[in-house]
Amino acid sequence: MKSRLDARQLMIVDSEVRNQGKNMILAYVLWYFLGILGGHRFYMKKTGSAIA
């Protein structure tokens, strides 16, 4: 399906994926300071393991 897109459409898709991505450095900072509370798990949208 991706091969059917032109260059402009590929750039739009790429920018959307980057905007929705998570920052791993921030996840590690949250783990360091809020690891006992599961702060990094909430940030990565893993709420089940964050609550556990």
C-alpha atoms as a PDB file:
ATOM      1  CA  MET A   1       0.000   0.000   0.000  1.00  0.00           C
ATOM      2  CA  LYS A   2       2.857   2.369   0.812  1.00  0.00           C
ATOM      3  CA  SER A   3       4.259   1.901  -2.683  1.00  0.00           C
ATOM      4  CA  ARG A   4       1.131   3.543  -4.132  1.00  0.00           C
ATOM      5  CA  LEU A   5       1.804   6.849  -2.388  1.00  0.00           C
ATOM      6  CA  ASP A   6       3.572   9.743  -4.055  1.00  0.00           C
ATOM      7  CA  ALA A   7       6.448  11.676  -2.470  1.00  0.00           C
ATOM      8  CA  ARG A   8       4.208  14.321  -0.872  1.00  0.00           C
ATOM      9  CA  GLN A   9       1.955  11.727   0.708  1.00  0.00           C
ATOM     10  CA  LEU A  10       4.960   9.787   2.011  1.00  0.00           C
ATOM     11  CA  MET A  11       6.297  12.941   3.669  1.00  0.00           C
ATOM     12  CA  ILE A  12       2.930  13.526   5.360  1.00  0.00           C
ATOM     13  CA  VAL A  13       2.793   9.948   6.648  1.00  0.00           C
ATOM     14  CA  ASP A  14       6.390  10.158   7.885  1.00  0.00           C
ATOM     15  CA  SER A  15       5.745  13.407   9.771  1.00  0.00           C
ATOM     16  CA  GLU A  16       2.622  11.972  11.415  1.00  0.00           C
ATOM     17  CA  VAL A  17       4.517   8.899  12.589  1.00  0.00           C
ATOM     18  CA  ARG A  18       7.277  11.073  14.055  1.00  0.00           C
ATOM     19  CA  ASN A  19       4.773  13.340  15.821  1.00  0.00           C
ATOM     20  CA  GLN A  20       3.067  10.392  17.481  1.00  0.00           C
ATOM     21  CA  GLY A  21       6.308   8.695  18.526  1.00  0.00           C
ATOM     22  CA  LYS A  22       7.483   8.647  22.101  1.00  0.00           C
ATOM     23  CA  ASN A  23      10.736  10.158  23.317  1.00  0.00           C
ATOM     24  CA  MET A  24      12.871   7.397  24.845  1.00  0.00           C
ATOM     25  CA  ILE A  25      15.051   9.865  26.770  1.00  0.00           C
ATOM     26  CA  LEU A  26      11.970  11.219  28.512  1.00  0.00           C
ATOM     27  CA  ALA A  27      10.847   7.664  29.269  1.00  0.00           C
ATOM     28  CA  TYR A  28      14.198   6.953  30.950  1.00  0.00           C
ATOM     29  CA  VAL A  29      13.990  10.185  32.965  1.00  0.00           C
ATOM     30  CA  LEU A  30      10.510   9.227  34.131  1.00  0.00           C
ATOM     31  CA  TRP A  31      11.776   5.743  34.984  1.00  0.00           C
ATOM     32  CA  TYR A  32      14.636   7.197  37.031  1.00  0.00           C
ATOM     33  CA  PHE A  33      12.477   9.597  39.046  1.00  0.00           C
ATOM     34  CA  LEU A  34       9.067   7.895  39.033  1.00  0.00           C
ATOM     35  CA  GLY A  35       9.960   4.267  38.402  1.00  0.00           C
ATOM     36  CA  ILE A  36       8.494   3.059  41.687  1.00  0.00           C
ATOM     37  CA  LEU A  37       5.151   4.670  40.716  1.00  0.00           C
ATOM     38  CA  GLY A  38       5.213   3.411  37.126  1.00  0.00           C
ATOM     39  CA  GLY A  39       5.447   6.883  35.581  1.00  0.00           C
ATOM     40  CA  HIS A  40       7.404   5.641  32.594  1.00  0.00           C
ATOM     41  CA  ARG A  41       4.813   2.902  31.975  1.00  0.00           C
ATOM     42  CA  PHE A  42       1.982   5.438  31.893  1.00  0.00           C
ATOM     43  CA  TYR A  43       3.977   7.548  29.435  1.00  0.00           C
ATOM     44  CA  MET A  44       4.494   4.554  27.129  1.00  0.00           C
ATOM     45  CA  LYS A  45       0.729   3.821  27.348  1.00  0.00           C
ATOM     46  CA  LYS A  46       1.242   0.538  29.188  1.00  0.00           C
ATOM     47  CA  THR A  47      -1.314   1.326  31.877  1.00  0.00           C
ATOM     48  CA  GLY A  48      -1.977  -2.283  32.828  1.00  0.00           C
ATOM     49  CA  SER A  49       1.581  -2.915  33.947  1.00  0.00           C
ATOM     50  CA  ALA A  50       1.823   0.594  35.406  1.00  0.00           C
ATOM     51  CA  ILE A  51      -1.081  -0.059  37.724  1.00  0.00           C
ATOM     52  CA  ALA A  52       0.192  -3.519  38.644  1.00  0.00           C
END
